Amino acid sequence: MQPPTAPEAIGDAEVLQIATRVLAGIALRGLALSARPMPLRQFQLLSVLEEMGRTSTEQAARALRLSLPSVTRLVDRLVASGYLARGTHPYNRSVVTLELTSSGRDLVARVMHWRHQELARILHKLGSPERRAAIEAIRTFVHAASGTGYGIDHLISGRPD
């Protein structure tokens, strides 16, 4: 086993790779709160619908940067699990709408609450100046990542991707 590398000796991209592992671990551990195993992509759809409210399948696909058939498969599984309901647009019955069920809203709330607590626990280990610097750096990184297909543009701009 190799001795740990000093943090300042790790390259920038490697630090981000490690941070990605931490954040992915937090994201995946939070999914253990669901009654059934759920792939991250399904939870991403639930999260987008929590943020956007009732929306068309097409808008959800755009927000996630997925094809319509891919979203339809995710929707089929989430409807079968009871987390999502299909509907129709009140003025255009050919448009399929998606909306979280109460079970879906509850799951998203529980997972997000757990993630929030876990991130706060980790941030609490930092001193105040380091915490502010880390948050500002991540904020800048997130803005740099907008427009690159990671499904965050609607969060930054306040409108669908």
C-alpha atoms as a PDB file:
ATOM      1  CA  MET A   1       0.000   0.000   0.000  1.00  0.00           C
ATOM      2  CA  GLN A   2       1.343   3.426  -0.952  1.00  0.00           C
ATOM      3  CA  PRO A   3       1.631   6.180   1.641  1.00  0.00           C
ATOM      4  CA  PRO A   4      -0.937   8.968   1.259  1.00  0.00           C
ATOM      5  CA  THR A   5       0.054  11.764  -1.112  1.00  0.00           C
ATOM      6  CA  ALA A   6       0.261  15.261   0.344  1.00  0.00           C
ATOM      7  CA  PRO A   7      -2.751  17.274  -0.904  1.00  0.00           C
ATOM      8  CA  GLU A   8      -0.554  19.937  -2.517  1.00  0.00           C
ATOM      9  CA  ALA A   9       1.291  17.246  -4.532  1.00  0.00           C
ATOM     10  CA  ILE A  10      -1.906  16.102  -6.292  1.00  0.00           C
ATOM     11  CA  GLY A  11      -2.591  17.715  -9.668  1.00  0.00           C
ATOM     12  CA  ASP A  12      -5.665  19.864 -10.291  1.00  0.00           C
ATOM     13  CA  ALA A  13      -7.457  17.318 -12.468  1.00  0.00           C
ATOM     14  CA  GLU A  14      -6.709  14.557  -9.969  1.00  0.00           C
ATOM     15  CA  VAL A  15      -8.144  16.629  -7.131  1.00  0.00           C
ATOM     16  CA  LEU A  16     -11.325  17.066  -9.164  1.00  0.00           C
ATOM     17  CA  GLN A  17     -11.375  13.326  -9.902  1.00  0.00           C
ATOM     18  CA  ILE A  18     -11.194  12.611  -6.171  1.00  0.00           C
ATOM     19  CA  ALA A  19     -13.875  15.236  -5.457  1.00  0.00           C
ATOM     20  CA  THR A  20     -16.047  13.568  -8.110  1.00  0.00           C
ATOM     21  CA  ARG A  21     -15.671  10.251  -6.285  1.00  0.00           C
ATOM     22  CA  VAL A  22     -16.693  11.871  -2.996  1.00  0.00           C
ATOM     23  CA  LEU A  23     -19.713  13.625  -4.512  1.00  0.00           C
ATOM     24  CA  ALA A  24     -20.769  10.535  -6.479  1.00  0.00           C
ATOM     25  CA  GLY A  25     -20.459   8.507  -3.288  1.00  0.00           C
ATOM     26  CA  ILE A  26     -22.706  10.952  -1.458  1.00  0.00           C
ATOM     27  CA  ALA A  27     -25.202  10.901  -4.336  1.00  0.00           C
ATOM     28  CA  LEU A  28     -25.290   7.105  -4.474  1.00  0.00           C
ATOM     29  CA  ARG A  29     -25.434   6.571  -0.702  1.00  0.00           C
ATOM     30  CA  GLY A  30     -28.426   8.869  -0.541  1.00  0.00           C
ATOM     31  CA  LEU A  31     -30.247   6.594  -2.963  1.00  0.00           C
ATOM     32  CA  ALA A  32     -30.068   3.826  -0.385  1.00  0.00           C
ATOM     33  CA  LEU A  33     -32.956   5.682   1.274  1.00  0.00           C
ATOM     34  CA  SER A  34     -35.322   4.450  -1.449  1.00  0.00           C
ATOM     35  CA  ALA A  35     -37.340   1.301  -0.809  1.00  0.00           C
ATOM     36  CA  ARG A  36     -35.994  -0.250  -4.020  1.00  0.00           C
ATOM     37  CA  PRO A  37     -32.573   0.136  -5.610  1.00  0.00           C
ATOM     38  CA  MET A  38     -32.673   3.059  -8.018  1.00  0.00           C
ATOM     39  CA  PRO A  39     -30.146   4.046 -10.657  1.00  0.00           C
ATOM     40  CA  LEU A  40     -28.795   7.577 -10.380  1.00  0.00           C
ATOM     41  CA  ARG A  41     -30.319   8.536 -13.749  1.00  0.00           C
ATOM     42  CA  GLN A  42     -33.831   7.738 -12.467  1.00  0.00           C
ATOM     43  CA  PHE A  43     -33.234   9.892  -9.420  1.00  0.00           C
ATOM     44  CA  GLN A  44     -31.932  12.687 -11.638  1.00  0.00           C
ATOM     45  CA  LEU A  45     -35.257  12.649 -13.475  1.00  0.00           C
ATOM     46  CA  LEU A  46     -37.155  12.803 -10.183  1.00  0.00           C
ATOM     47  CA  SER A  47     -34.966  15.704  -9.050  1.00  0.00           C
ATOM     48  CA  VAL A  48     -35.497  17.628 -12.274  1.00  0.00           C
ATOM     49  CA  LEU A  49     -39.256  17.161 -11.964  1.00  0.00           C
ATOM     50  CA  GLU A  50     -39.126  18.322  -8.331  1.00  0.00           C
ATOM     51  CA  GLU A  51     -37.400  21.492  -9.523  1.00  0.00           C
ATOM     52  CA  MET A  52     -39.518  22.075 -12.635  1.00  0.00           C
ATOM     53  CA  GLY A  53     -42.905  20.854 -11.432  1.00  0.00           C
ATOM     54  CA  ARG A  54     -45.296  19.203 -13.865  1.00  0.00           C
ATOM     55  CA  THR A  55     -43.628  19.281 -17.232  1.00  0.00           C
ATOM     56  CA  SER A  56     -43.708  17.559 -20.590  1.00  0.00           C
ATOM     57  CA  THR A  57     -41.627  14.500 -21.311  1.00  0.00           C
ATOM     58  CA  GLU A  58     -39.840  16.523 -23.978  1.00  0.00           C
ATOM     59  CA  GLN A  59     -38.884  19.300 -21.517  1.00  0.00           C
ATOM     60  CA  ALA A  60     -37.606  16.708 -19.044  1.00  0.00           C
ATOM     61  CA  ALA A  61     -35.516  15.080 -21.791  1.00  0.00           C
ATOM     62  CA  ARG A  62     -34.038  18.466 -22.705  1.00  0.00           C
ATOM     63  CA  ALA A  63     -33.213  19.251 -19.067  1.00  0.00           C
ATOM     64  CA  LEU A  64     -31.388  15.930 -18.710  1.00  0.00           C
ATOM     65  CA  ARG A  65     -29.921  16.106 -22.226  1.00  0.00           C
ATOM     66  CA  LEU A  66     -31.313  12.661 -22.995  1.00  0.00           C
ATOM     67  CA  SER A  67     -33.242  11.352 -25.966  1.00  0.00           C
ATOM     68  CA  LEU A  68     -37.007  11.085 -25.691  1.00  0.00           C
ATOM     69  CA  PRO A  69     -36.918   7.253 -25.856  1.00  0.00           C
ATOM     70  CA  SER A  70     -34.364   7.166 -23.001  1.00  0.00           C
ATOM     71  CA  VAL A  71     -36.577   9.361 -20.824  1.00  0.00           C
ATOM     72  CA  THR A  72     -39.622   7.281 -21.737  1.00  0.00           C
ATOM     73  CA  ARG A  73     -37.858   4.149 -20.436  1.00  0.00           C
ATOM     74  CA  LEU A  74     -36.950   5.949 -17.194  1.00  0.00           C
ATOM     75  CA  VAL A  75     -40.527   7.174 -16.873  1.00  0.00           C
ATOM     76  CA  ASP A  76     -41.934   3.669 -17.388  1.00  0.00           C
ATOM     77  CA  ARG A  77     -39.838   2.370 -14.488  1.00  0.00           C
ATOM     78  CA  LEU A  78     -40.661   5.298 -12.211  1.00  0.00           C
ATOM     79  CA  VAL A  79     -44.400   5.053 -12.941  1.00  0.00           C
ATOM     80  CA  ALA A  80     -44.251   1.317 -12.131  1.00  0.00           C
ATOM     81  CA  SER A  81     -42.455   2.155  -8.859  1.00  0.00           C
ATOM     82  CA  GLY A  82     -45.135   4.675  -7.914  1.00  0.00           C
ATOM     83  CA  TYR A  83     -42.806   7.697  -7.891  1.00  0.00           C
ATOM     84  CA  LEU A  84     -44.113   9.340 -11.033  1.00  0.00           C
ATOM     85  CA  ALA A  85     -47.455   9.911 -12.753  1.00  0.00           C
ATOM     86  CA  ARG A  86     -48.144  10.554 -16.420  1.00  0.00           C
ATOM     87  CA  GLY A  87     -50.779  12.987 -17.515  1.00  0.00           C
ATOM     88  CA  THR A  88     -51.756  15.125 -20.463  1.00  0.00           C
ATOM     89  CA  HIS A  89     -51.429  18.829 -21.078  1.00  0.00           C
ATOM     90  CA  PRO A  90     -54.773  20.590 -20.458  1.00  0.00           C
ATOM     91  CA  TYR A  91     -54.673  22.379 -23.832  1.00  0.00           C
ATOM     92  CA  ASN A  92     -52.924  19.752 -25.945  1.00  0.00           C
ATOM     93  CA  ARG A  93     -53.841  16.167 -25.136  1.00  0.00           C
ATOM     94  CA  SER A  94     -51.056  14.817 -27.371  1.00  0.00           C
ATOM     95  CA  VAL A  95     -48.435  16.224 -24.978  1.00  0.00           C
ATOM     96  CA  VAL A  96     -47.544  13.772 -22.199  1.00  0.00           C
ATOM     97  CA  THR A  97     -46.833  15.440 -18.892  1.00  0.00           C
ATOM     98  CA  LEU A  98     -44.869  14.075 -15.959  1.00  0.00           C
ATOM     99  CA  GLU A  99     -45.418  14.836 -12.301  1.00  0.00           C
ATOM    100  CA  LEU A 100     -44.048  13.419  -9.083  1.00  0.00           C
ATOM    101  CA  THR A 101     -46.424  11.444  -6.914  1.00  0.00           C
ATOM    102  CA  SER A 102     -46.409  12.041  -3.170  1.00  0.00           C
ATOM    103  CA  SER A 103     -44.052   9.033  -2.860  1.00  0.00           C
ATOM    104  CA  GLY A 104     -41.747  10.603  -5.434  1.00  0.00           C
ATOM    105  CA  ARG A 105     -41.752  13.978  -3.665  1.00  0.00           C
ATOM    106  CA  ASP A 106     -41.107  12.264  -0.341  1.00  0.00           C
ATOM    107  CA  LEU A 107     -38.184  10.276  -1.750  1.00  0.00           C
ATOM    108  CA  VAL A 108     -36.574  13.348  -3.328  1.00  0.00           C
ATOM    109  CA  ALA A 109     -37.009  15.302  -0.081  1.00  0.00           C
ATOM    110  CA  ARG A 110     -35.478  12.506   2.049  1.00  0.00           C
ATOM    111  CA  VAL A 111     -32.506  11.985  -0.275  1.00  0.00           C
ATOM    112  CA  MET A 112     -31.847  15.707  -0.633  1.00  0.00           C
ATOM    113  CA  HIS A 113     -32.118  16.211   3.130  1.00  0.00           C
ATOM    114  CA  TRP A 114     -29.636  13.384   3.746  1.00  0.00           C
ATOM    115  CA  ARG A 115     -27.242  14.795   1.119  1.00  0.00           C
ATOM    116  CA  HIS A 116     -27.544  18.266   2.632  1.00  0.00           C
ATOM    117  CA  GLN A 117     -26.692  16.910   6.079  1.00  0.00           C
ATOM    118  CA  GLU A 118     -23.744  14.900   4.760  1.00  0.00           C
ATOM    119  CA  LEU A 119     -22.325  17.859   2.832  1.00  0.00           C
ATOM    120  CA  ALA A 120     -22.783  20.106   5.878  1.00  0.00           C
ATOM    121  CA  ARG A 121     -20.968  17.533   8.028  1.00  0.00           C
ATOM    122  CA  ILE A 122     -18.008  17.549   5.632  1.00  0.00           C
ATOM    123  CA  LEU A 123     -17.987  21.346   5.287  1.00  0.00           C
ATOM    124  CA  HIS A 124     -18.076  21.676   9.071  1.00  0.00           C
ATOM    125  CA  LYS A 125     -14.616  20.094   9.165  1.00  0.00           C
ATOM    126  CA  LEU A 126     -13.242  23.151   7.341  1.00  0.00           C
ATOM    127  CA  GLY A 127     -12.443  26.439   8.993  1.00  0.00           C
ATOM    128  CA  SER A 128     -14.593  29.379   8.001  1.00  0.00           C
ATOM    129  CA  PRO A 129     -12.118  30.910   5.491  1.00  0.00           C
ATOM    130  CA  GLU A 130     -11.477  27.516   3.850  1.00  0.00           C
ATOM    131  CA  ARG A 131     -15.202  26.777   3.680  1.00  0.00           C
ATOM    132  CA  ARG A 132     -15.907  30.130   1.996  1.00  0.00           C
ATOM    133  CA  ALA A 133     -13.031  29.595  -0.457  1.00  0.00           C
ATOM    134  CA  ALA A 134     -14.183  26.048  -1.266  1.00  0.00           C
ATOM    135  CA  ILE A 135     -17.771  27.156  -1.869  1.00  0.00           C
ATOM    136  CA  GLU A 136     -16.688  30.075  -4.054  1.00  0.00           C
ATOM    137  CA  ALA A 137     -14.395  27.796  -6.083  1.00  0.00           C
ATOM    138  CA  ILE A 138     -17.178  25.249  -6.563  1.00  0.00           C
ATOM    139  CA  ARG A 139     -19.633  28.003  -7.516  1.00  0.00           C
ATOM    140  CA  THR A 140     -17.183  29.209 -10.183  1.00  0.00           C
ATOM    141  CA  PHE A 141     -16.655  25.629 -11.383  1.00  0.00           C
ATOM    142  CA  VAL A 142     -20.417  25.025 -11.667  1.00  0.00           C
ATOM    143  CA  HIS A 143     -20.851  28.194 -13.739  1.00  0.00           C
ATOM    144  CA  ALA A 144     -17.975  27.113 -16.003  1.00  0.00           C
ATOM    145  CA  ALA A 145     -19.741  23.751 -16.496  1.00  0.00           C
ATOM    146  CA  SER A 146     -23.023  25.335 -17.584  1.00  0.00           C
ATOM    147  CA  GLY A 147     -23.932  24.714 -21.196  1.00  0.00           C
ATOM    148  CA  THR A 148     -21.918  21.504 -21.340  1.00  0.00           C
ATOM    149  CA  GLY A 149     -24.746  18.975 -21.061  1.00  0.00           C
ATOM    150  CA  TYR A 150     -24.735  18.118 -17.380  1.00  0.00           C
ATOM    151  CA  GLY A 151     -28.362  19.060 -16.753  1.00  0.00           C
ATOM    152  CA  ILE A 152     -27.615  22.092 -14.579  1.00  0.00           C
ATOM    153  CA  ASP A 153     -28.409  24.995 -16.889  1.00  0.00           C
ATOM    154  CA  HIS A 154     -31.982  25.359 -15.627  1.00  0.00           C
ATOM    155  CA  LEU A 155     -30.604  25.682 -12.078  1.00  0.00           C
ATOM    156  CA  ILE A 156     -28.214  28.463 -13.017  1.00  0.00           C
ATOM    157  CA  SER A 157     -30.435  30.403 -15.406  1.00  0.00           C
ATOM    158  CA  GLY A 158     -33.760  29.679 -13.709  1.00  0.00           C
ATOM    159  CA  ARG A 159     -35.210  28.277 -16.932  1.00  0.00           C
ATOM    160  CA  PRO A 160     -35.217  24.890 -18.684  1.00  0.00           C
ATOM    161  CA  ASP A 161     -32.004  23.863 -20.491  1.00  0.00           C
END
